[in-house]
C-alpha atoms as a PDB file:
ATOM      1  CA  MET A   1      84.403  91.278 123.980  1.00  0.00           C
ATOM      2  CA  ASN A   2      83.248  93.933 121.666  1.00  0.00           C
ATOM      3  CA  TYR A   3      85.258  96.509 120.205  1.00  0.00           C
ATOM      4  CA  THR A   4      84.388  98.907 118.178  1.00  0.00           C
ATOM      5  CA  PHE A   5      86.872 100.230 115.156  1.00  0.00           C
ATOM      6  CA  ILE A   6      87.018 103.990 113.417  1.00  0.00           C
ATOM      7  CA  ALA A   7      88.433 103.361 110.484  1.00  0.00           C
ATOM      8  CA  LEU A   8      89.098 106.640 107.203  1.00  0.00           C
ATOM      9  CA  VAL A   9      89.163 105.400 104.187  1.00  0.00           C
ATOM     10  CA  GLU A  10      88.959 106.895 100.725  1.00  0.00           C
ATOM     11  CA  ASN A  11      85.438 107.623  99.324  1.00  0.00           C
ATOM     12  CA  LYS A  12      85.815 105.218  97.117  1.00  0.00           C
ATOM     13  CA  PRO A  13      83.609 102.433  94.841  1.00  0.00           C
ATOM     14  CA  GLY A  14      84.507  98.837  95.916  1.00  0.00           C
ATOM     15  CA  VAL A  15      86.338  99.837  99.702  1.00  0.00           C
ATOM     16  CA  LEU A  16      83.458  98.671 102.156  1.00  0.00           C
ATOM     17  CA  ASN A  17      83.594  95.714 100.111  1.00  0.00           C
ATOM     18  CA  ARG A  18      87.179  95.096 100.752  1.00  0.00           C
ATOM     19  CA  VAL A  19      86.676  96.060 104.611  1.00  0.00           C
ATOM     20  CA  SER A  20      84.145  93.364 104.820  1.00  0.00           C
ATOM     21  CA  SER A  21      85.838  90.526 103.000  1.00  0.00           C
ATOM     22  CA  LEU A  22      88.816  91.179 105.005  1.00  0.00           C
ATOM     23  CA  PHE A  23      86.888  90.511 108.665  1.00  0.00           C
ATOM     24  CA  ARG A  24      85.365  87.838 106.063  1.00  0.00           C
ATOM     25  CA  ARG A  25      88.348  86.129 105.552  1.00  0.00           C
ATOM     26  CA  ARG A  26      89.588  86.247 109.195  1.00  0.00           C
ATOM     27  CA  ASN A  27      87.016  84.848 110.592  1.00  0.00           C
ATOM     28  CA  PHE A  28      85.782  87.674 112.558  1.00  0.00           C
ATOM     29  CA  ASN A  29      81.665  88.629 113.180  1.00  0.00           C
ATOM     30  CA  ILE A  30      81.132  92.519 112.656  1.00  0.00           C
ATOM     31  CA  GLU A  31      78.516  93.114 115.327  1.00  0.00           C
ATOM     32  CA  SER A  32      77.364  96.237 113.297  1.00  0.00           C
ATOM     33  CA  LEU A  33      78.557  98.603 110.138  1.00  0.00           C
ATOM     34  CA  ALA A  34      78.115 102.335 109.266  1.00  0.00           C
ATOM     35  CA  VAL A  35      79.691 104.452 106.661  1.00  0.00           C
ATOM     36  CA  GLY A  36      79.051 107.175 105.707  1.00  0.00           C
ATOM     37  CA  ARG A  37      80.927 110.374 104.226  1.00  0.00           C
ATOM     38  CA  THR A  38      83.146 113.030 106.568  1.00  0.00           C
ATOM     39  CA  GLU A  39      83.118 116.741 106.272  1.00  0.00           C
ATOM     40  CA  ASN A  40      85.975 115.538 103.165  1.00  0.00           C
ATOM     41  CA  PRO A  41      84.397 114.463 100.208  1.00  0.00           C
ATOM     42  CA  GLU A  42      87.310 112.104  99.492  1.00  0.00           C
ATOM     43  CA  VAL A  43      87.359 110.363 102.843  1.00  0.00           C
ATOM     44  CA  SER A  44      84.176 108.351 104.259  1.00  0.00           C
ATOM     45  CA  ARG A  45      84.182 107.476 107.644  1.00  0.00           C
ATOM     46  CA  MET A  46      83.481 103.508 109.033  1.00  0.00           C
ATOM     47  CA  THR A  47      82.225 102.618 112.335  1.00  0.00           C
ATOM     48  CA  ILE A  48      83.109  99.172 112.780  1.00  0.00           C
ATOM     49  CA  VAL A  49      81.749  97.320 116.329  1.00  0.00           C
ATOM     50  CA  VAL A  50      83.118  93.538 116.099  1.00  0.00           C
ATOM     51  CA  ASP A  51      83.156  90.530 117.996  1.00  0.00           C
ATOM     52  CA  CYS A  52      86.544  89.597 119.032  1.00  0.00           C
ATOM     53  CA  PRO A  53      87.107  86.808 120.681  1.00  0.00           C
ATOM     54  CA  ASN A  54      90.752  86.885 122.055  1.00  0.00           C
ATOM     55  CA  GLY A  55      90.200  90.852 123.038  1.00  0.00           C
ATOM     56  CA  ASP A  56      92.772  93.195 122.611  1.00  0.00           C
ATOM     57  CA  MET A  57      95.122  90.552 120.419  1.00  0.00           C
ATOM     58  CA  ASP A  58      92.638  90.398 117.670  1.00  0.00           C
ATOM     59  CA  ALA A  59      92.100  94.296 118.115  1.00  0.00           C
ATOM     60  CA  HIS A  60      95.802  94.404 117.301  1.00  0.00           C
ATOM     61  CA  LYS A  61      95.277  91.592 114.581  1.00  0.00           C
ATOM     62  CA  LEU A  62      92.451  93.036 112.904  1.00  0.00           C
ATOM     63  CA  GLU A  63      93.956  96.716 113.116  1.00  0.00           C
ATOM     64  CA  ALA A  64      96.783  95.846 111.133  1.00  0.00           C
ATOM     65  CA  ASN A  65      95.332  94.052 108.536  1.00  0.00           C
ATOM     66  CA  LEU A  66      93.096  96.785 107.804  1.00  0.00           C
ATOM     67  CA  TYR A  67      96.274  99.298 107.609  1.00  0.00           C
ATOM     68  CA  LYS A  68      97.163  96.689 104.308  1.00  0.00           C
ATOM     69  CA  LEU A  69      94.495  97.646 102.340  1.00  0.00           C
ATOM     70  CA  VAL A  70      95.772 100.566 100.242  1.00  0.00           C
ATOM     71  CA  ASN A  71      92.422 103.166 100.359  1.00  0.00           C
ATOM     72  CA  VAL A  72      92.627 102.258 104.694  1.00  0.00           C
ATOM     73  CA  ILE A  73      94.334 105.843 105.643  1.00  0.00           C
ATOM     74  CA  ASP A  74      93.700 105.566 109.569  1.00  0.00           C
ATOM     75  CA  VAL A  75      91.835 102.991 111.741  1.00  0.00           C
ATOM     76  CA  GLN A  76      91.046 103.936 115.626  1.00  0.00           C
ATOM     77  CA  ASP A  77      90.395 101.644 118.320  1.00  0.00           C
ATOM     78  CA  VAL A  78      87.772 103.641 120.228  1.00  0.00           C
ATOM     79  CA  THR A  79      86.601 100.388 122.714  1.00  0.00           C
ATOM     80  CA  ARG A  80      87.739 102.842 125.725  1.00  0.00           C
ATOM     81  CA  GLN A  81      87.765 106.096 124.942  1.00  0.00           C
ATOM     82  CA  PRO A  82      85.543 108.573 126.704  1.00  0.00           C
ATOM     83  CA  SER A  83      83.352 108.431 123.300  1.00  0.00           C
ATOM     84  CA  VAL A  84      79.444 109.359 122.502  1.00  0.00           C
ATOM     85  CA  THR A  85      77.795 106.200 120.808  1.00  0.00           C
ATOM     86  CA  ARG A  86      74.652 106.440 119.116  1.00  0.00           C
ATOM     87  CA  ASP A  87      72.406 103.844 117.198  1.00  0.00           C
ATOM     88  CA  LEU A  88      69.111 104.774 114.785  1.00  0.00           C
ATOM     89  CA  ALA A  89      65.983 102.422 114.574  1.00  0.00           C
ATOM     90  CA  LEU A  90      62.951 102.818 112.377  1.00  0.00           C
ATOM     91  CA  ILE A  91      60.110 100.495 114.474  1.00  0.00           C
ATOM     92  CA  LYS A  92      56.951 100.259 112.623  1.00  0.00           C
ATOM     93  CA  VAL A  93      54.136  98.865 115.151  1.00  0.00           C
ATOM     94  CA  LYS A  94      50.883  97.507 113.980  1.00  0.00           C
ATOM     95  CA  VAL A  95      48.228  99.774 115.800  1.00  0.00           C
ATOM     96  CA  GLY A  96      45.403 100.701 115.608  1.00  0.00           C
ATOM     97  CA  PRO A  97      43.360 104.507 116.895  1.00  0.00           C
ATOM     98  CA  GLU A  98      42.388 103.355 119.603  1.00  0.00           C
ATOM     99  CA  ARG A  99      46.292 102.632 121.429  1.00  0.00           C
ATOM    100  CA  ARG A 100      48.483 104.958 119.339  1.00  0.00           C
ATOM    101  CA  ALA A 101      48.455 107.185 122.545  1.00  0.00           C
ATOM    102  CA  GLU A 102      49.531 104.689 124.491  1.00  0.00           C
ATOM    103  CA  VAL A 103      52.864 104.452 121.550  1.00  0.00           C
ATOM    104  CA  ASN A 104      53.197 108.073 122.364  1.00  0.00           C
ATOM    105  CA  GLY A 105      53.460 107.695 125.819  1.00  0.00           C
ATOM    106  CA  LEU A 106      56.214 105.545 125.157  1.00  0.00           C
ATOM    107  CA  ALA A 107      57.927 107.202 122.462  1.00  0.00           C
ATOM    108  CA  GLU A 108      57.547 110.463 124.861  1.00  0.00           C
ATOM    109  CA  ILE A 109      59.511 108.233 127.706  1.00  0.00           C
ATOM    110  CA  PHE A 110      62.197 107.702 125.350  1.00  0.00           C
ATOM    111  CA  ARG A 111      62.931 110.207 123.799  1.00  0.00           C
ATOM    112  CA  ALA A 112      61.706 109.570 120.275  1.00  0.00           C
ATOM    113  CA  HIS A 113      59.808 110.581 117.749  1.00  0.00           C
ATOM    114  CA  ILE A 114      56.670 109.049 115.703  1.00  0.00           C
ATOM    115  CA  VAL A 115      57.582 110.260 111.914  1.00  0.00           C
ATOM    116  CA  ASP A 116      54.814 108.574 110.275  1.00  0.00           C
ATOM    117  CA  VAL A 117      51.033 107.860 111.001  1.00  0.00           C
ATOM    118  CA  ALA A 118      48.985 105.149 108.552  1.00  0.00           C
ATOM    119  CA  PRO A 119      45.553 103.839 109.222  1.00  0.00           C
ATOM    120  CA  GLU A 120      46.367 100.615 110.925  1.00  0.00           C
ATOM    121  CA  SER A 121      50.270 101.548 111.932  1.00  0.00           C
ATOM    122  CA  VAL A 122      52.626 104.230 112.718  1.00  0.00           C
ATOM    123  CA  ILE A 123      57.039 104.386 112.516  1.00  0.00           C
ATOM    124  CA  VAL A 124      58.395 105.382 115.409  1.00  0.00           C
ATOM    125  CA  GLU A 125      61.882 106.494 115.497  1.00  0.00           C
ATOM    126  CA  ILE A 126      64.173 106.418 118.140  1.00  0.00           C
ATOM    127  CA  THR A 127      67.899 107.570 118.405  1.00  0.00           C
ATOM    128  CA  GLY A 128      70.198 106.651 121.363  1.00  0.00           C
ATOM    129  CA  THR A 129      72.236 103.924 123.067  1.00  0.00           C
ATOM    130  CA  GLU A 130      71.979 100.344 122.179  1.00  0.00           C
ATOM    131  CA  ASP A 131      70.430  99.837 124.969  1.00  0.00           C
ATOM    132  CA  LYS A 132      67.908 101.992 125.251  1.00  0.00           C
ATOM    133  CA  ILE A 133      66.601 100.885 121.664  1.00  0.00           C
ATOM    134  CA  GLU A 134      66.236  97.597 122.998  1.00  0.00           C
ATOM    135  CA  GLY A 135      64.068  98.847 125.909  1.00  0.00           C
ATOM    136  CA  MET A 136      62.028 100.497 123.243  1.00  0.00           C
ATOM    137  CA  ILE A 137      61.720  96.991 121.518  1.00  0.00           C
ATOM    138  CA  GLU A 138      60.813  95.359 124.009  1.00  0.00           C
ATOM    139  CA  LEU A 139      58.205  97.489 125.172  1.00  0.00           C
ATOM    140  CA  LEU A 140      56.609  97.592 121.220  1.00  0.00           C
ATOM    141  CA  ARG A 141      57.263  94.027 120.974  1.00  0.00           C
ATOM    142  CA  PRO A 142      53.441  93.042 123.349  1.00  0.00           C
ATOM    143  CA  ILE A 143      51.684  95.974 120.575  1.00  0.00           C
ATOM    144  CA  GLY A 144      52.920  94.685 117.569  1.00  0.00           C
ATOM    145  CA  ILE A 145      56.313  95.481 115.620  1.00  0.00           C
ATOM    146  CA  MET A 146      55.390  95.464 111.420  1.00  0.00           C
ATOM    147  CA  GLU A 147      59.043  95.714 110.640  1.00  0.00           C
ATOM    148  CA  MET A 148      62.143  97.108 112.309  1.00  0.00           C
ATOM    149  CA  VAL A 149      65.678  99.224 110.490  1.00  0.00           C
ATOM    150  CA  ARG A 150      68.746  99.666 112.499  1.00  0.00           C
ATOM    151  CA  THR A 151      71.378 102.193 111.078  1.00  0.00           C
ATOM    152  CA  GLY A 152      73.633 100.611 113.492  1.00  0.00           C
ATOM    153  CA  GLN A 153      76.410 102.668 115.641  1.00  0.00           C
ATOM    154  CA  ILE A 154      78.150 105.373 114.807  1.00  0.00           C
ATOM    155  CA  SER A 155      80.749 106.298 117.329  1.00  0.00           C
ATOM    156  CA  MET A 156      83.003 110.177 118.113  1.00  0.00           C
ATOM    157  CA  THR A 157      85.336 110.990 120.565  1.00  0.00           C
ATOM    158  CA  ARG A 158      84.871 113.208 122.830  1.00  0.00           C
ATOM    159  CA  GLY A 159      86.404 116.232 123.037  1.00  0.00           C
ATOM    160  CA  ASN A 160      89.956 116.328 122.265  1.00  0.00           C
ATOM    161  CA  ASN A 161      90.384 112.724 122.692  1.00  0.00           C
ATOM    162  CA  ASP A 162      91.906 110.188 119.940  1.00  0.00           C
ATOM    163  CA  GLY A 163      90.909 106.455 119.485  1.00  0.00           C
ATOM    164  CA  ILE A 164      94.140 103.881 119.844  1.00  0.00           C
ATOM    165  CA  ARG A 165      96.621 104.182 117.222  1.00  0.00           C
ATOM    166  CA  ARG A 166      98.597 100.619 117.513  1.00  0.00           C
ATOM    167  CA  MET A 167     100.315 101.878 114.162  1.00  0.00           C
ATOM    168  CA  PRO A 168     100.249 104.317 111.673  1.00  0.00           C
ATOM    169  CA  GLY A 169      99.238 103.560 109.006  1.00  0.00           C
ATOM    170  CA  LEU A 170     102.109 101.910 106.291  1.00  0.00           C
ATOM    171  CA  ASP A 171     101.548 103.708 103.451  1.00  0.00           C
ATOM    172  CA  GLY A 172     102.753 106.770 105.461  1.00  0.00           C
ATOM    173  CA  ARG A 173      99.330 108.519 105.559  1.00  0.00           C
ATOM    174  CA  ARG A 174      97.338 110.239 108.781  1.00  0.00           C
ATOM    175  CA  TYR A 175      94.101 111.799 108.549  1.00  0.00           C
ATOM    176  CA  GLU A 176      95.703 114.914 108.938  1.00  0.00           C
ATOM    177  CA  ASP A 177      97.629 114.718 105.378  1.00  0.00           C
ATOM    178  CA  VAL A 178      94.457 114.047 103.499  1.00  0.00           C
ATOM    179  CA  MET A 179      92.639 117.390 104.983  1.00  0.00           C
ATOM    180  CA  ASP A 180      95.402 119.442 104.074  1.00  0.00           C
ATOM    181  CA  MET A 181      95.441 117.803 100.728  1.00  0.00           C
ATOM    182  CA  ALA A 182      91.197 118.373 100.298  1.00  0.00           C
ATOM    183  CA  VAL A 183      92.637 122.431 101.743  1.00  0.00           C
ATOM    184  CA  MET A 184      95.129 122.340  98.472  1.00  0.00           C
ATOM    185  CA  ALA A 185      92.138 121.567  96.001  1.00  0.00           C
ATOM    186  CA  PRO A 186      90.944 123.989  94.015  1.00  0.00           C
END
């Protein structure tokens, strides 16, 4: 089963490598990994979707191992929490002027956008759930997909909900402490 973790980490060089190496060493397959800055420039947010064959037992081990990394501030398991999860895909479709209306119609149905038009291709941008993107890909495949890139999933819990935290950070820092330090910084 796939589990979704949100890890807040220090925004420093090498942190992504340490986190991905942890999963490699423990022989877990990362299905999706998206990293970006947060509202605090000192903190990056990682959304990690990983296959945990042994369910909650593996998820607990992964969380405990993430906390052993010095640069990890907070880890939440949002797998079973009410959350908004999105993925972004850019799909280059080989299509001449005679079939552009067909691709445009599919884009409208999926609330996607054509972001580039060339003489023999278009680039479609689609944002949504993994199922929505897969559906669009399956309908564009017979037309002719030339190239595709996806961001990986990002996720945020809804409302005031938090993900499951099985243990606090081993260094005692919490997300709120890091945010307080950012406010105090000049």
